[in-house]
Amino acid sequence: MTSATRKRPTGLFVGLCTLDVIQLVDRPPGPDEKVTAREQVVAAGGPAANAAAVFSHLGGTAALLTAIGRHPLGVAAAADLARLGVRVTDLAADSPGPPAVSSILVTASSGERAVASTNAARHRLLPPDGLDELVAGYDIVESDGHHPRLALAAARAARAAGRPVLYDGGSWKDGTDRLLPLTDVAVCSADFRPPGTGSPTQVLEFLRAHGVTWSAVSRGGRSIVWAGPEGGGTVEVPAVSVADTLGAGDVLHGALAHHLAAHGPLTTRAFVTGLRAAAALASQACATFGTRAWMLGR
């Protein structure tokens, strides 16, 4: 199939959507101190939502299963995702309360961030009717592990339909142990610490022992460590002048999902090539304040 006729990749993303309020500051304030931000961004956020936006930005068809609600702040988050081409199925559409709001301070000199959010604590989502048919209509399914019942049901449906499941392991959560046996690819942050693990090598061994075929651990600007059926290795992360590390992992996941959906079937070669391409895009995003600005070419 030529590039001119190749099918547009499709991805279903399952997990958290927040409204992010991001402030660029010279330094975080101390107790009882106020600081004036250099810039601010207000946009939809959350690992699954951001990865879906990146997938769409790269030319794929992205859908998001999440909880947002009808509060004005939720309407703003949904509108932001629609502007970026993400099809949202809101499983809490009648909820009058506000969505999870992430308050984020990004330090201008280093790009480091501090985040406070309620995440998915307010919602206990159940799988919607027709989930099996919905999942079967996409090339790949990605979950961030938030909304664990929904994540588990989507992973089971993907396995039954023969669709690869990509897991974004930002941190160890309740239900992660049940999700891993249904996961084909897991890419985890350095903060992802399963019980009894410490080093990236131990994390990769844990994932393999729990049924994950291809896995990786990202470590900020350091190389990504990966493992698969034929062995393992590292993928270098291109060096950039960092403006903002917020969302870099979400760019990595969205870009990897797009590569795997566009260049199936899933093999070690496709996995490593996709990691390399995704790491390059994540580095580019780090050089800009706000992933929205990066996606919009600012």
C-alpha atoms as a PDB file:
ATOM      1  CA  MET A   1       0.000   0.000   0.000  1.00  0.00           C
ATOM      2  CA  THR A   2       1.467   3.378  -0.975  1.00  0.00           C
ATOM      3  CA  SER A   3       1.594   6.417   1.287  1.00  0.00           C
ATOM      4  CA  ALA A   4      -1.079   8.011  -0.903  1.00  0.00           C
ATOM      5  CA  THR A   5      -3.536   5.164  -0.252  1.00  0.00           C
ATOM      6  CA  ARG A   6      -2.529   4.124   3.266  1.00  0.00           C
ATOM      7  CA  LYS A   7      -5.433   4.125   5.691  1.00  0.00           C
ATOM      8  CA  ARG A   8      -5.526   6.934   8.212  1.00  0.00           C
ATOM      9  CA  PRO A   9      -4.582   5.408  11.599  1.00  0.00           C
ATOM     10  CA  THR A  10      -7.253   5.347  14.282  1.00  0.00           C
ATOM     11  CA  GLY A  11      -6.772   5.293  18.039  1.00  0.00           C
ATOM     12  CA  LEU A  12      -9.093   4.971  21.016  1.00  0.00           C
ATOM     13  CA  PHE A  13      -7.809   6.587  24.217  1.00  0.00           C
ATOM     14  CA  VAL A  14      -9.287   5.642  27.574  1.00  0.00           C
ATOM     15  CA  GLY A  15      -8.693   7.644  30.718  1.00  0.00           C
ATOM     16  CA  LEU A  16      -8.373  11.000  32.359  1.00  0.00           C
ATOM     17  CA  CYS A  17      -9.428  14.409  31.091  1.00  0.00           C
ATOM     18  CA  THR A  18      -8.728  17.486  33.191  1.00  0.00           C
ATOM     19  CA  LEU A  19      -8.810  21.211  32.707  1.00  0.00           C
ATOM     20  CA  ASP A  20      -5.214  22.398  33.070  1.00  0.00           C
ATOM     21  CA  VAL A  21      -4.360  25.878  34.329  1.00  0.00           C
ATOM     22  CA  ILE A  22      -0.654  26.263  33.627  1.00  0.00           C
ATOM     23  CA  GLN A  23       1.423  29.215  34.863  1.00  0.00           C
ATOM     24  CA  LEU A  24       4.997  29.942  33.780  1.00  0.00           C
ATOM     25  CA  VAL A  25       6.826  31.394  36.784  1.00  0.00           C
ATOM     26  CA  ASP A  26      10.367  32.434  37.656  1.00  0.00           C
ATOM     27  CA  ARG A  27      10.132  30.258  40.760  1.00  0.00           C
ATOM     28  CA  PRO A  28       7.388  28.546  42.764  1.00  0.00           C
ATOM     29  CA  PRO A  29       6.012  30.762  45.553  1.00  0.00           C
ATOM     30  CA  GLY A  30       6.810  30.107  49.178  1.00  0.00           C
ATOM     31  CA  PRO A  31       4.248  29.977  52.006  1.00  0.00           C
ATOM     32  CA  ASP A  32       1.825  32.944  51.934  1.00  0.00           C
ATOM     33  CA  GLU A  33       3.629  34.375  48.900  1.00  0.00           C
ATOM     34  CA  LYS A  34       2.147  35.526  45.600  1.00  0.00           C
ATOM     35  CA  VAL A  35       4.060  35.600  42.335  1.00  0.00           C
ATOM     36  CA  THR A  36       3.204  37.015  38.916  1.00  0.00           C
ATOM     37  CA  ALA A  37       3.311  34.510  36.070  1.00  0.00           C
ATOM     38  CA  ARG A  38       5.090  35.267  32.812  1.00  0.00           C
ATOM     39  CA  GLU A  39       2.510  33.356  30.751  1.00  0.00           C
ATOM     40  CA  GLN A  40      -0.497  31.119  31.251  1.00  0.00           C
ATOM     41  CA  VAL A  41      -2.209  28.354  29.295  1.00  0.00           C
ATOM     42  CA  VAL A  42      -5.706  27.011  29.978  1.00  0.00           C
ATOM     43  CA  ALA A  43      -6.421  23.782  28.087  1.00  0.00           C
ATOM     44  CA  ALA A  44      -7.740  20.255  28.352  1.00  0.00           C
ATOM     45  CA  GLY A  45      -5.210  17.928  29.954  1.00  0.00           C
ATOM     46  CA  GLY A  46      -4.731  14.496  31.413  1.00  0.00           C
ATOM     47  CA  PRO A  47      -2.575  11.704  30.000  1.00  0.00           C
ATOM     48  CA  ALA A  48      -5.207  10.059  27.798  1.00  0.00           C
ATOM     49  CA  ALA A  49      -6.640  13.364  26.569  1.00  0.00           C
ATOM     50  CA  ASN A  50      -3.237  14.795  25.705  1.00  0.00           C
ATOM     51  CA  ALA A  51      -2.132  11.601  23.956  1.00  0.00           C
ATOM     52  CA  ALA A  52      -5.339  11.643  21.896  1.00  0.00           C
ATOM     53  CA  ALA A  53      -4.672  15.270  20.924  1.00  0.00           C
ATOM     54  CA  VAL A  54      -1.151  14.373  19.803  1.00  0.00           C
ATOM     55  CA  PHE A  55      -2.455  11.369  17.825  1.00  0.00           C
ATOM     56  CA  SER A  56      -4.889  13.678  16.030  1.00  0.00           C
ATOM     57  CA  HIS A  57      -2.205  16.336  15.512  1.00  0.00           C
ATOM     58  CA  LEU A  58      -0.072  13.755  13.707  1.00  0.00           C
ATOM     59  CA  GLY A  59      -2.863  12.981  11.254  1.00  0.00           C
ATOM     60  CA  GLY A  60      -4.716  10.150  12.982  1.00  0.00           C
ATOM     61  CA  THR A  61      -8.357   9.804  13.938  1.00  0.00           C
ATOM     62  CA  ALA A  62      -8.494   9.946  17.740  1.00  0.00           C
ATOM     63  CA  ALA A  63     -11.371   9.217  20.103  1.00  0.00           C
ATOM     64  CA  LEU A  64     -11.420   9.634  23.878  1.00  0.00           C
ATOM     65  CA  LEU A  65     -13.494   7.734  26.456  1.00  0.00           C
ATOM     66  CA  THR A  66     -13.497   9.808  29.635  1.00  0.00           C
ATOM     67  CA  ALA A  67     -15.506  11.788  32.202  1.00  0.00           C
ATOM     68  CA  ILE A  68     -15.914  15.557  31.816  1.00  0.00           C
ATOM     69  CA  GLY A  69     -19.469  16.714  32.703  1.00  0.00           C
ATOM     70  CA  ARG A  70     -21.596  19.729  31.815  1.00  0.00           C
ATOM     71  CA  HIS A  71     -20.044  22.287  34.166  1.00  0.00           C
ATOM     72  CA  PRO A  72     -18.731  25.343  32.228  1.00  0.00           C
ATOM     73  CA  LEU A  73     -15.146  24.290  32.953  1.00  0.00           C
ATOM     74  CA  GLY A  74     -15.907  20.878  31.485  1.00  0.00           C
ATOM     75  CA  VAL A  75     -17.464  22.507  28.436  1.00  0.00           C
ATOM     76  CA  ALA A  76     -14.217  24.439  27.960  1.00  0.00           C
ATOM     77  CA  ALA A  77     -12.118  21.266  28.156  1.00  0.00           C
ATOM     78  CA  ALA A  78     -14.355  19.465  25.661  1.00  0.00           C
ATOM     79  CA  ALA A  79     -14.250  22.433  23.281  1.00  0.00           C
ATOM     80  CA  ASP A  80     -10.455  22.462  23.385  1.00  0.00           C
ATOM     81  CA  LEU A  81     -10.318  18.773  22.451  1.00  0.00           C
ATOM     82  CA  ALA A  82     -12.861  19.259  19.660  1.00  0.00           C
ATOM     83  CA  ARG A  83     -10.729  22.067  18.260  1.00  0.00           C
ATOM     84  CA  LEU A  84      -7.832  19.591  18.080  1.00  0.00           C
ATOM     85  CA  GLY A  85      -9.913  16.968  16.299  1.00  0.00           C
ATOM     86  CA  VAL A  86     -10.495  14.559  19.198  1.00  0.00           C
ATOM     87  CA  ARG A  87     -13.875  12.815  19.274  1.00  0.00           C
ATOM     88  CA  VAL A  88     -14.982  12.742  22.910  1.00  0.00           C
ATOM     89  CA  THR A  89     -17.395  10.257  24.455  1.00  0.00           C
ATOM     90  CA  ASP A  90     -18.222  11.748  27.847  1.00  0.00           C
ATOM     91  CA  LEU A  91     -19.414   9.017  30.197  1.00  0.00           C
ATOM     92  CA  ALA A  92     -20.303  11.616  32.843  1.00  0.00           C
ATOM     93  CA  ALA A  93     -22.081  14.002  30.484  1.00  0.00           C
ATOM     94  CA  ASP A  94     -24.907  14.725  32.970  1.00  0.00           C
ATOM     95  CA  SER A  95     -22.607  15.478  35.892  1.00  0.00           C
ATOM     96  CA  PRO A  96     -23.127  19.097  37.055  1.00  0.00           C
ATOM     97  CA  GLY A  97     -19.868  19.330  38.972  1.00  0.00           C
ATOM     98  CA  PRO A  98     -16.613  20.696  37.581  1.00  0.00           C
ATOM     99  CA  PRO A  99     -14.091  18.389  35.956  1.00  0.00           C
ATOM    100  CA  ALA A 100     -10.782  17.653  37.612  1.00  0.00           C
ATOM    101  CA  VAL A 101      -8.742  20.847  37.468  1.00  0.00           C
ATOM    102  CA  SER A 102      -4.947  20.576  37.421  1.00  0.00           C
ATOM    103  CA  SER A 103      -3.120  23.586  38.859  1.00  0.00           C
ATOM    104  CA  ILE A 104       0.375  23.621  37.389  1.00  0.00           C
ATOM    105  CA  LEU A 105       3.420  25.796  37.951  1.00  0.00           C
ATOM    106  CA  VAL A 106       6.241  25.555  35.410  1.00  0.00           C
ATOM    107  CA  THR A 107       9.615  27.027  36.402  1.00  0.00           C
ATOM    108  CA  ALA A 108      10.963  29.098  33.502  1.00  0.00           C
ATOM    109  CA  SER A 109      14.661  28.401  34.081  1.00  0.00           C
ATOM    110  CA  SER A 110      14.382  24.598  34.143  1.00  0.00           C
ATOM    111  CA  GLY A 111      11.014  23.609  32.661  1.00  0.00           C
ATOM    112  CA  GLU A 112      10.268  21.609  35.815  1.00  0.00           C
ATOM    113  CA  ARG A 113       6.663  21.520  36.949  1.00  0.00           C
ATOM    114  CA  ALA A 114       4.616  21.155  40.109  1.00  0.00           C
ATOM    115  CA  VAL A 115       1.091  19.763  39.752  1.00  0.00           C
ATOM    116  CA  ALA A 116      -1.940  19.509  42.039  1.00  0.00           C
ATOM    117  CA  SER A 117      -5.079  17.720  40.822  1.00  0.00           C
ATOM    118  CA  THR A 118      -7.902  15.487  42.021  1.00  0.00           C
ATOM    119  CA  ASN A 119      -7.445  13.347  38.871  1.00  0.00           C
ATOM    120  CA  ALA A 120     -10.236  10.764  38.455  1.00  0.00           C
ATOM    121  CA  ALA A 121     -11.269  10.585  42.115  1.00  0.00           C
ATOM    122  CA  ARG A 122     -14.776  12.039  41.591  1.00  0.00           C
ATOM    123  CA  HIS A 123     -15.959   9.485  39.029  1.00  0.00           C
ATOM    124  CA  ARG A 124     -16.432   5.709  39.025  1.00  0.00           C
ATOM    125  CA  LEU A 125     -17.024   5.007  35.358  1.00  0.00           C
ATOM    126  CA  LEU A 126     -18.645   1.829  34.087  1.00  0.00           C
ATOM    127  CA  PRO A 127     -18.174   0.520  30.542  1.00  0.00           C
ATOM    128  CA  PRO A 128     -20.743   1.920  28.092  1.00  0.00           C
ATOM    129  CA  ASP A 129     -23.096  -0.205  26.031  1.00  0.00           C
ATOM    130  CA  GLY A 130     -21.537  -1.215  22.730  1.00  0.00           C
ATOM    131  CA  LEU A 131     -17.973  -1.035  24.010  1.00  0.00           C
ATOM    132  CA  ASP A 132     -16.904  -4.182  22.133  1.00  0.00           C
ATOM    133  CA  GLU A 133     -18.067  -2.775  18.807  1.00  0.00           C
ATOM    134  CA  LEU A 134     -16.532   0.610  19.542  1.00  0.00           C
ATOM    135  CA  VAL A 135     -13.117  -0.846  20.377  1.00  0.00           C
ATOM    136  CA  ALA A 136     -13.131  -3.088  17.299  1.00  0.00           C
ATOM    137  CA  GLY A 137     -13.439   0.005  15.123  1.00  0.00           C
ATOM    138  CA  TYR A 138      -9.980   1.325  16.072  1.00  0.00           C
ATOM    139  CA  ASP A 139      -6.448   0.238  15.199  1.00  0.00           C
ATOM    140  CA  ILE A 140      -5.051   0.649  18.712  1.00  0.00           C
ATOM    141  CA  VAL A 141      -6.310   1.261  22.250  1.00  0.00           C
ATOM    142  CA  GLU A 142      -4.360   3.273  24.809  1.00  0.00           C
ATOM    143  CA  SER A 143      -5.148   3.564  28.511  1.00  0.00           C
ATOM    144  CA  ASP A 144      -3.586   5.693  31.235  1.00  0.00           C
ATOM    145  CA  GLY A 145      -4.992   3.495  34.042  1.00  0.00           C
ATOM    146  CA  HIS A 146      -7.339   6.158  35.407  1.00  0.00           C
ATOM    147  CA  HIS A 147     -10.977   5.022  35.570  1.00  0.00           C
ATOM    148  CA  PRO A 148      -9.766   1.441  36.185  1.00  0.00           C
ATOM    149  CA  ARG A 149     -13.031  -0.421  35.507  1.00  0.00           C
ATOM    150  CA  LEU A 150     -13.359   1.279  32.146  1.00  0.00           C
ATOM    151  CA  ALA A 151      -9.693   0.697  31.347  1.00  0.00           C
ATOM    152  CA  LEU A 152      -9.977  -3.007  32.134  1.00  0.00           C
ATOM    153  CA  ALA A 153     -13.138  -3.448  30.068  1.00  0.00           C
ATOM    154  CA  ALA A 154     -11.615  -1.636  27.090  1.00  0.00           C
ATOM    155  CA  ALA A 155      -8.454  -3.745  27.301  1.00  0.00           C
ATOM    156  CA  ARG A 156     -10.504  -6.961  27.389  1.00  0.00           C
ATOM    157  CA  ALA A 157     -12.502  -5.819  24.371  1.00  0.00           C
ATOM    158  CA  ALA A 158      -9.301  -4.922  22.518  1.00  0.00           C
ATOM    159  CA  ARG A 159      -7.769  -8.314  23.260  1.00  0.00           C
ATOM    160  CA  ALA A 160     -10.921 -10.056  22.003  1.00  0.00           C
ATOM    161  CA  ALA A 161     -10.894  -7.960  18.827  1.00  0.00           C
ATOM    162  CA  GLY A 162      -7.183  -8.474  18.186  1.00  0.00           C
ATOM    163  CA  ARG A 163      -6.317  -4.809  18.725  1.00  0.00           C
ATOM    164  CA  PRO A 164      -3.037  -3.899  20.464  1.00  0.00           C
ATOM    165  CA  VAL A 165      -3.260  -2.272  23.893  1.00  0.00           C
ATOM    166  CA  LEU A 166      -0.785   0.448  24.888  1.00  0.00           C
ATOM    167  CA  TYR A 167      -0.517   1.358  28.573  1.00  0.00           C
ATOM    168  CA  ASP A 168       0.724   4.725  29.828  1.00  0.00           C
ATOM    169  CA  GLY A 169       2.258   3.962  33.212  1.00  0.00           C
ATOM    170  CA  GLY A 170       2.617   7.327  34.881  1.00  0.00           C
ATOM    171  CA  SER A 171       2.375   5.808  38.346  1.00  0.00           C
ATOM    172  CA  TRP A 172       1.290   2.567  39.989  1.00  0.00           C
ATOM    173  CA  LYS A 173      -2.495   2.633  40.582  1.00  0.00           C
ATOM    174  CA  ASP A 174      -5.164   0.386  42.026  1.00  0.00           C
ATOM    175  CA  GLY A 175      -6.099  -2.019  39.245  1.00  0.00           C
ATOM    176  CA  THR A 176      -2.799  -1.835  37.362  1.00  0.00           C
ATOM    177  CA  ASP A 177      -2.029  -5.467  38.213  1.00  0.00           C
ATOM    178  CA  ARG A 178      -5.259  -6.558  36.492  1.00  0.00           C
ATOM    179  CA  LEU A 179      -4.607  -4.416  33.422  1.00  0.00           C
ATOM    180  CA  LEU A 180      -1.057  -5.569  32.680  1.00  0.00           C
ATOM    181  CA  PRO A 181      -1.914  -9.132  31.498  1.00  0.00           C
ATOM    182  CA  LEU A 182      -4.100  -7.534  28.810  1.00  0.00           C
ATOM    183  CA  THR A 183      -1.399  -5.067  27.734  1.00  0.00           C
ATOM    184  CA  ASP A 184       0.828  -5.520  24.687  1.00  0.00           C
ATOM    185  CA  VAL A 185       2.981  -2.401  25.125  1.00  0.00           C
ATOM    186  CA  ALA A 186       3.669  -0.515  28.366  1.00  0.00           C
ATOM    187  CA  VAL A 187       5.682   2.691  28.419  1.00  0.00           C
ATOM    188  CA  CYS A 188       6.197   3.927  31.963  1.00  0.00           C
ATOM    189  CA  SER A 189       7.716   6.952  33.630  1.00  0.00           C
ATOM    190  CA  ALA A 190      10.472   6.822  36.209  1.00  0.00           C
ATOM    191  CA  ASP A 191       7.721   7.359  38.826  1.00  0.00           C
ATOM    192  CA  PHE A 192       6.056   4.052  37.929  1.00  0.00           C
ATOM    193  CA  ARG A 193       7.117   1.745  40.768  1.00  0.00           C
ATOM    194  CA  PRO A 194       5.365  -1.629  40.972  1.00  0.00           C
ATOM    195  CA  PRO A 195       5.652  -3.408  44.340  1.00  0.00           C
ATOM    196  CA  GLY A 196       9.158  -4.654  44.985  1.00  0.00           C
ATOM    197  CA  THR A 197      10.825  -2.724  42.161  1.00  0.00           C
ATOM    198  CA  GLY A 198      13.281   0.152  42.118  1.00  0.00           C
ATOM    199  CA  SER A 199      15.448   0.292  39.014  1.00  0.00           C
ATOM    200  CA  PRO A 200      14.182   0.477  35.411  1.00  0.00           C
ATOM    201  CA  THR A 201      15.526  -3.039  34.846  1.00  0.00           C
ATOM    202  CA  GLN A 202      13.403  -4.355  37.710  1.00  0.00           C
ATOM    203  CA  VAL A 203      10.351  -2.544  36.338  1.00  0.00           C
ATOM    204  CA  LEU A 204      10.865  -4.074  32.894  1.00  0.00           C
ATOM    205  CA  GLU A 205      11.276  -7.535  34.438  1.00  0.00           C
ATOM    206  CA  PHE A 206       8.081  -7.025  36.457  1.00  0.00           C
ATOM    207  CA  LEU A 207       6.137  -6.011  33.356  1.00  0.00           C
ATOM    208  CA  ARG A 208       7.414  -8.994  31.410  1.00  0.00           C
ATOM    209  CA  ALA A 209       6.481 -11.354  34.244  1.00  0.00           C
ATOM    210  CA  HIS A 210       2.959  -9.904  34.256  1.00  0.00           C
ATOM    211  CA  GLY A 211       2.333 -10.516  30.563  1.00  0.00           C
ATOM    212  CA  VAL A 212       3.526  -7.346  28.826  1.00  0.00           C
ATOM    213  CA  THR A 213       5.365  -8.153  25.584  1.00  0.00           C
ATOM    214  CA  TRP A 214       7.086  -4.828  24.880  1.00  0.00           C
ATOM    215  CA  SER A 215       7.909  -2.330  27.617  1.00  0.00           C
ATOM    216  CA  ALA A 216       9.957   0.795  28.237  1.00  0.00           C
ATOM    217  CA  VAL A 217      10.820   3.232  30.999  1.00  0.00           C
ATOM    218  CA  SER A 218      11.312   6.905  30.152  1.00  0.00           C
ATOM    219  CA  ARG A 219      13.671   8.957  32.305  1.00  0.00           C
ATOM    220  CA  GLY A 220      13.222  12.581  31.316  1.00  0.00           C
ATOM    221  CA  GLY A 221      16.136  13.730  29.201  1.00  0.00           C
ATOM    222  CA  ARG A 222      18.044  10.486  29.728  1.00  0.00           C
ATOM    223  CA  SER A 223      17.801   7.516  27.390  1.00  0.00           C
ATOM    224  CA  ILE A 224      14.660   5.358  27.346  1.00  0.00           C
ATOM    225  CA  VAL A 225      15.273   1.785  28.486  1.00  0.00           C
ATOM    226  CA  TRP A 226      13.242  -0.868  26.667  1.00  0.00           C
ATOM    227  CA  ALA A 227      12.729  -4.629  26.562  1.00  0.00           C
ATOM    228  CA  GLY A 228      10.995  -7.058  24.224  1.00  0.00           C
ATOM    229  CA  PRO A 229      10.900 -10.730  23.227  1.00  0.00           C
ATOM    230  CA  GLU A 230      14.244 -10.489  21.409  1.00  0.00           C
ATOM    231  CA  GLY A 231      16.110  -8.609  24.129  1.00  0.00           C
ATOM    232  CA  GLY A 232      16.357  -4.955  25.009  1.00  0.00           C
ATOM    233  CA  GLY A 233      18.331  -1.765  24.736  1.00  0.00           C
ATOM    234  CA  THR A 234      18.081   1.997  24.956  1.00  0.00           C
ATOM    235  CA  VAL A 235      16.724   4.806  22.800  1.00  0.00           C
ATOM    236  CA  GLU A 236      18.456   8.147  23.070  1.00  0.00           C
ATOM    237  CA  VAL A 237      16.392  11.261  23.763  1.00  0.00           C
ATOM    238  CA  PRO A 238      17.518  14.233  21.625  1.00  0.00           C
ATOM    239  CA  ALA A 239      18.917  17.101  23.700  1.00  0.00           C
ATOM    240  CA  VAL A 240      17.026  20.402  23.545  1.00  0.00           C
ATOM    241  CA  SER A 241      16.852  23.633  25.485  1.00  0.00           C
ATOM    242  CA  VAL A 242      13.998  22.710  27.836  1.00  0.00           C
ATOM    243  CA  ALA A 243      11.195  25.233  28.287  1.00  0.00           C
ATOM    244  CA  ASP A 244       8.501  22.960  29.731  1.00  0.00           C
ATOM    245  CA  THR A 245       8.557  19.259  30.670  1.00  0.00           C
ATOM    246  CA  LEU A 246       4.789  19.166  31.286  1.00  0.00           C
ATOM    247  CA  GLY A 247       3.084  16.828  28.827  1.00  0.00           C
ATOM    248  CA  ALA A 248       6.289  15.435  27.348  1.00  0.00           C
ATOM    249  CA  GLY A 249       5.312  11.913  28.371  1.00  0.00           C
ATOM    250  CA  ASP A 250       1.865  12.390  26.847  1.00  0.00           C
ATOM    251  CA  VAL A 251       3.466  13.446  23.561  1.00  0.00           C
ATOM    252  CA  LEU A 252       5.645  10.332  23.741  1.00  0.00           C
ATOM    253  CA  HIS A 253       2.604   8.085  24.186  1.00  0.00           C
ATOM    254  CA  GLY A 254       0.426   9.767  21.584  1.00  0.00           C
ATOM    255  CA  ALA A 255       3.220   9.703  19.018  1.00  0.00           C
ATOM    256  CA  LEU A 256       4.085   6.071  19.754  1.00  0.00           C
ATOM    257  CA  ALA A 257       0.427   5.055  19.455  1.00  0.00           C
ATOM    258  CA  HIS A 258       0.222   6.838  16.103  1.00  0.00           C
ATOM    259  CA  HIS A 259       3.358   5.116  14.812  1.00  0.00           C
ATOM    260  CA  LEU A 260       2.209   1.663  15.905  1.00  0.00           C
ATOM    261  CA  ALA A 261      -1.269   2.184  14.422  1.00  0.00           C
ATOM    262  CA  ALA A 262       0.169   3.455  11.152  1.00  0.00           C
ATOM    263  CA  HIS A 263       2.942   0.862  10.762  1.00  0.00           C
ATOM    264  CA  GLY A 264       1.380  -2.368  12.079  1.00  0.00           C
ATOM    265  CA  PRO A 265       1.683  -5.241  12.705  1.00  0.00           C
ATOM    266  CA  LEU A 266       3.290  -4.840  16.098  1.00  0.00           C
ATOM    267  CA  THR A 267       6.887  -6.086  16.131  1.00  0.00           C
ATOM    268  CA  THR A 268      10.032  -5.263  18.077  1.00  0.00           C
ATOM    269  CA  ARG A 269      11.314  -3.297  15.091  1.00  0.00           C
ATOM    270  CA  ALA A 270       8.107  -1.254  14.917  1.00  0.00           C
ATOM    271  CA  PHE A 271       8.198  -0.699  18.689  1.00  0.00           C
ATOM    272  CA  VAL A 272      11.785   0.562  18.791  1.00  0.00           C
ATOM    273  CA  THR A 273      11.418   2.671  15.645  1.00  0.00           C
ATOM    274  CA  GLY A 274       8.264   4.172  17.099  1.00  0.00           C
ATOM    275  CA  LEU A 275       9.967   4.902  20.416  1.00  0.00           C
ATOM    276  CA  ARG A 276      12.774   6.694  18.617  1.00  0.00           C
ATOM    277  CA  ALA A 277      10.399   8.842  16.562  1.00  0.00           C
ATOM    278  CA  ALA A 278       8.189   9.550  19.587  1.00  0.00           C
ATOM    279  CA  ALA A 279      11.187  10.565  21.733  1.00  0.00           C
ATOM    280  CA  ALA A 280      12.226  13.087  19.086  1.00  0.00           C
ATOM    281  CA  LEU A 281       8.753  14.645  19.068  1.00  0.00           C
ATOM    282  CA  ALA A 282       8.584  14.728  22.868  1.00  0.00           C
ATOM    283  CA  SER A 283      11.910  16.578  22.928  1.00  0.00           C
ATOM    284  CA  GLN A 284      10.577  19.120  20.447  1.00  0.00           C
ATOM    285  CA  ALA A 285       7.545  19.678  22.664  1.00  0.00           C
ATOM    286  CA  CYS A 286       9.806  20.281  25.682  1.00  0.00           C
ATOM    287  CA  ALA A 287      11.383  23.217  23.862  1.00  0.00           C
ATOM    288  CA  THR A 288       8.025  25.071  23.863  1.00  0.00           C
ATOM    289  CA  PHE A 289       5.947  26.320  26.796  1.00  0.00           C
ATOM    290  CA  GLY A 290       2.791  24.220  26.622  1.00  0.00           C
ATOM    291  CA  THR A 291       2.080  21.239  24.387  1.00  0.00           C
ATOM    292  CA  ARG A 292      -0.835  23.169  22.859  1.00  0.00           C
ATOM    293  CA  ALA A 293       1.597  25.813  21.599  1.00  0.00           C
ATOM    294  CA  TRP A 294       3.776  23.064  20.135  1.00  0.00           C
ATOM    295  CA  MET A 295       0.836  21.422  18.370  1.00  0.00           C
ATOM    296  CA  LEU A 296      -0.336  24.778  17.035  1.00  0.00           C
ATOM    297  CA  GLY A 297       3.158  25.637  15.771  1.00  0.00           C
ATOM    298  CA  ARG A 298       3.755  28.636  18.029  1.00  0.00           C
END
